[in-house]
Amino acid sequence: MDSLMHTMPNLFDQLGLPSDEASISQFIATHSPLPHGLPLADAAFWTDSQKAFLRDEILNDADWAEVIDMLNAALHI
């Protein structure tokens, strides 16, 4: 089993988004709060490929799932 711990900047890199701390904070401020009950991957601001990545990683409880959950929590506050 891979013990790699993904970080929020790694996730933003994976999604093709700016990954510095200021950009991540701005992204969260711009896109939150998401409506209660809206799955993260269904948010309108993702591209189709970003949506597919987020869905697949969560559904498969894959390596990225923990940091995706952290982003989900940050956007639903």
N, C-alpha and C. Protein backbone atom coordinates (compact mmCIF):
# COMPACT_ATOMS: atom_id res chain seq x y z
N MET A 1 0.84 -1.18 0.00
CA MET A 1 0.00 0.00 0.00
C MET A 1 0.88 1.24 0.00
N ASP A 2 0.50 2.23 -0.79
CA ASP A 2 1.28 3.46 -0.90
C ASP A 2 1.02 4.33 0.32
N SER A 3 2.09 4.79 0.94
CA SER A 3 1.94 5.60 2.14
C SER A 3 2.02 7.09 1.84
N LEU A 4 1.96 7.48 0.56
CA LEU A 4 2.05 8.87 0.17
C LEU A 4 0.89 9.67 0.76
N MET A 5 1.23 10.76 1.43
CA MET A 5 0.21 11.65 1.97
C MET A 5 0.08 12.83 1.02
N HIS A 6 -1.09 13.00 0.46
CA HIS A 6 -1.33 14.13 -0.44
C HIS A 6 -1.71 15.35 0.39
N THR A 7 -1.30 16.50 -0.11
CA THR A 7 -1.60 17.76 0.56
C THR A 7 -2.56 18.57 -0.30
N MET A 8 -3.10 19.63 0.27
CA MET A 8 -3.99 20.50 -0.49
C MET A 8 -3.26 21.10 -1.70
N PRO A 9 -2.03 21.59 -1.55
CA PRO A 9 -1.34 22.08 -2.76
C PRO A 9 -1.15 20.99 -3.82
N ASN A 10 -0.87 19.75 -3.40
CA ASN A 10 -0.76 18.65 -4.36
C ASN A 10 -2.08 18.44 -5.09
N LEU A 11 -3.20 18.51 -4.36
CA LEU A 11 -4.51 18.33 -4.97
C LEU A 11 -4.78 19.43 -6.00
N PHE A 12 -4.48 20.67 -5.64
CA PHE A 12 -4.70 21.77 -6.57
C PHE A 12 -3.82 21.60 -7.82
N ASP A 13 -2.58 21.14 -7.63
CA ASP A 13 -1.72 20.83 -8.79
C ASP A 13 -2.38 19.76 -9.65
N GLN A 14 -2.87 18.71 -9.02
CA GLN A 14 -3.51 17.60 -9.74
C GLN A 14 -4.73 18.08 -10.53
N LEU A 15 -5.44 19.05 -9.98
CA LEU A 15 -6.63 19.60 -10.63
C LEU A 15 -6.28 20.67 -11.67
N GLY A 16 -4.99 21.01 -11.78
CA GLY A 16 -4.58 22.01 -12.75
C GLY A 16 -4.86 23.43 -12.30
N LEU A 17 -4.92 23.64 -10.99
CA LEU A 17 -5.22 24.95 -10.42
C LEU A 17 -3.98 25.52 -9.73
N PRO A 18 -3.91 26.85 -9.59
CA PRO A 18 -2.80 27.44 -8.83
C PRO A 18 -2.78 26.84 -7.42
N SER A 19 -1.59 26.50 -6.94
CA SER A 19 -1.50 25.72 -5.71
C SER A 19 -0.77 26.41 -4.56
N ASP A 20 -0.49 27.69 -4.72
CA ASP A 20 0.12 28.39 -3.59
C ASP A 20 -0.95 28.69 -2.55
N GLU A 21 -0.53 28.97 -1.33
CA GLU A 21 -1.46 29.15 -0.22
C GLU A 21 -2.48 30.25 -0.49
N ALA A 22 -2.04 31.37 -1.05
CA ALA A 22 -2.96 32.48 -1.32
C ALA A 22 -4.01 32.09 -2.35
N SER A 23 -3.60 31.36 -3.38
CA SER A 23 -4.55 30.93 -4.43
C SER A 23 -5.56 29.93 -3.89
N ILE A 24 -5.11 29.02 -3.05
CA ILE A 24 -6.02 28.05 -2.44
C ILE A 24 -7.03 28.77 -1.56
N SER A 25 -6.56 29.69 -0.74
CA SER A 25 -7.47 30.46 0.13
C SER A 25 -8.47 31.25 -0.70
N GLN A 26 -8.01 31.86 -1.78
CA GLN A 26 -8.90 32.63 -2.66
C GLN A 26 -9.93 31.73 -3.33
N PHE A 27 -9.52 30.55 -3.77
CA PHE A 27 -10.45 29.60 -4.39
C PHE A 27 -11.55 29.22 -3.41
N ILE A 28 -11.17 28.91 -2.19
CA ILE A 28 -12.15 28.51 -1.17
C ILE A 28 -13.08 29.68 -0.85
N ALA A 29 -12.53 30.88 -0.71
CA ALA A 29 -13.35 32.06 -0.42
C ALA A 29 -14.32 32.36 -1.56
N THR A 30 -13.86 32.19 -2.79
CA THR A 30 -14.68 32.48 -3.96
C THR A 30 -15.82 31.48 -4.13
N HIS A 31 -15.56 30.21 -3.85
CA HIS A 31 -16.52 29.15 -4.17
C HIS A 31 -17.31 28.62 -2.97
N SER A 32 -17.11 29.17 -1.81
CA SER A 32 -17.85 28.69 -0.64
C SER A 32 -18.84 29.74 -0.19
N PRO A 33 -19.85 29.35 0.51
CA PRO A 33 -20.17 27.97 0.85
C PRO A 33 -20.96 27.29 -0.27
N LEU A 34 -20.67 26.02 -0.46
CA LEU A 34 -21.47 25.22 -1.38
C LEU A 34 -22.80 24.91 -0.70
N PRO A 35 -23.87 24.79 -1.48
CA PRO A 35 -25.17 24.46 -0.89
C PRO A 35 -25.12 23.13 -0.15
N HIS A 36 -25.82 23.07 0.97
CA HIS A 36 -25.91 21.84 1.75
C HIS A 36 -26.43 20.72 0.86
N GLY A 37 -25.79 19.59 0.91
CA GLY A 37 -26.23 18.43 0.13
C GLY A 37 -25.65 18.35 -1.26
N LEU A 38 -24.96 19.40 -1.72
CA LEU A 38 -24.35 19.36 -3.05
C LEU A 38 -23.01 18.65 -2.95
N PRO A 39 -22.87 17.51 -3.63
CA PRO A 39 -21.58 16.83 -3.62
C PRO A 39 -20.50 17.71 -4.25
N LEU A 40 -19.32 17.65 -3.71
CA LEU A 40 -18.22 18.48 -4.19
C LEU A 40 -18.04 18.36 -5.70
N ALA A 41 -18.06 17.15 -6.21
CA ALA A 41 -17.82 16.93 -7.64
C ALA A 41 -18.94 17.47 -8.53
N ASP A 42 -20.08 17.81 -7.96
CA ASP A 42 -21.19 18.35 -8.75
C ASP A 42 -21.21 19.87 -8.81
N ALA A 43 -20.26 20.52 -8.16
CA ALA A 43 -20.21 21.98 -8.19
C ALA A 43 -19.95 22.45 -9.62
N ALA A 44 -20.59 23.54 -9.99
CA ALA A 44 -20.56 24.02 -11.37
C ALA A 44 -19.19 24.54 -11.82
N PHE A 45 -18.31 24.86 -10.89
CA PHE A 45 -17.04 25.47 -11.27
C PHE A 45 -15.98 24.48 -11.73
N TRP A 46 -16.21 23.18 -11.60
CA TRP A 46 -15.23 22.18 -12.05
C TRP A 46 -15.38 21.92 -13.54
N THR A 47 -14.27 21.56 -14.18
CA THR A 47 -14.34 21.06 -15.56
C THR A 47 -14.82 19.61 -15.50
N ASP A 48 -15.18 19.06 -16.64
CA ASP A 48 -15.62 17.66 -16.68
C ASP A 48 -14.53 16.72 -16.18
N SER A 49 -13.29 16.98 -16.57
CA SER A 49 -12.20 16.09 -16.14
C SER A 49 -11.94 16.23 -14.64
N GLN A 50 -12.05 17.43 -14.09
CA GLN A 50 -11.90 17.61 -12.65
C GLN A 50 -13.01 16.88 -11.90
N LYS A 51 -14.24 16.99 -12.40
CA LYS A 51 -15.37 16.29 -11.78
C LYS A 51 -15.14 14.79 -11.77
N ALA A 52 -14.70 14.25 -12.90
CA ALA A 52 -14.45 12.81 -13.00
C ALA A 52 -13.37 12.37 -12.01
N PHE A 53 -12.30 13.13 -11.92
CA PHE A 53 -11.22 12.80 -10.98
C PHE A 53 -11.74 12.79 -9.55
N LEU A 54 -12.45 13.85 -9.15
CA LEU A 54 -12.96 13.94 -7.78
C LEU A 54 -13.91 12.79 -7.47
N ARG A 55 -14.83 12.50 -8.38
CA ARG A 55 -15.78 11.40 -8.17
C ARG A 55 -15.06 10.06 -8.03
N ASP A 56 -14.17 9.78 -8.96
CA ASP A 56 -13.46 8.50 -8.95
C ASP A 56 -12.65 8.30 -7.68
N GLU A 57 -11.96 9.32 -7.26
CA GLU A 57 -11.11 9.20 -6.06
C GLU A 57 -11.95 8.97 -4.81
N ILE A 58 -13.09 9.66 -4.70
CA ILE A 58 -13.96 9.48 -3.53
C ILE A 58 -14.64 8.11 -3.59
N LEU A 59 -15.21 7.76 -4.74
CA LEU A 59 -15.92 6.48 -4.85
C LEU A 59 -15.02 5.29 -4.58
N ASN A 60 -13.77 5.40 -4.98
CA ASN A 60 -12.82 4.30 -4.79
C ASN A 60 -12.03 4.42 -3.50
N ASP A 61 -12.35 5.42 -2.69
CA ASP A 61 -11.61 5.69 -1.45
C ASP A 61 -10.10 5.61 -1.73
N ALA A 62 -9.71 6.27 -2.80
CA ALA A 62 -8.33 6.20 -3.29
C ALA A 62 -7.41 7.13 -2.50
N ASP A 63 -6.16 7.18 -2.95
CA ASP A 63 -5.13 7.96 -2.25
C ASP A 63 -5.52 9.41 -2.00
N TRP A 64 -6.24 9.99 -2.93
CA TRP A 64 -6.58 11.41 -2.82
C TRP A 64 -7.81 11.66 -1.96
N ALA A 65 -8.53 10.65 -1.55
CA ALA A 65 -9.83 10.82 -0.89
C ALA A 65 -9.75 11.69 0.36
N GLU A 66 -8.73 11.52 1.17
CA GLU A 66 -8.64 12.27 2.43
C GLU A 66 -8.51 13.78 2.18
N VAL A 67 -7.64 14.17 1.27
CA VAL A 67 -7.47 15.60 1.01
C VAL A 67 -8.67 16.16 0.25
N ILE A 68 -9.33 15.36 -0.59
CA ILE A 68 -10.56 15.80 -1.24
C ILE A 68 -11.64 16.03 -0.18
N ASP A 69 -11.72 15.17 0.81
CA ASP A 69 -12.66 15.38 1.92
C ASP A 69 -12.37 16.69 2.65
N MET A 70 -11.09 17.01 2.81
CA MET A 70 -10.72 18.27 3.47
C MET A 70 -11.19 19.47 2.64
N LEU A 71 -11.01 19.40 1.33
CA LEU A 71 -11.48 20.48 0.46
C LEU A 71 -13.00 20.57 0.50
N ASN A 72 -13.67 19.43 0.48
CA ASN A 72 -15.12 19.40 0.58
C ASN A 72 -15.60 20.10 1.84
N ALA A 73 -14.98 19.79 2.97
CA ALA A 73 -15.36 20.41 4.24
C ALA A 73 -15.12 21.92 4.19
N ALA A 74 -14.00 22.33 3.63
CA ALA A 74 -13.69 23.77 3.56
C ALA A 74 -14.69 24.52 2.69
N LEU A 75 -15.18 23.89 1.64
CA LEU A 75 -16.12 24.55 0.74
C LEU A 75 -17.56 24.50 1.23
N HIS A 76 -17.86 23.62 2.15
CA HIS A 76 -19.23 23.53 2.67
C HIS A 76 -19.43 24.32 3.97
N ILE A 77 -18.43 25.01 4.44
CA ILE A 77 -18.56 25.79 5.68
C ILE A 77 -19.25 27.10 5.40
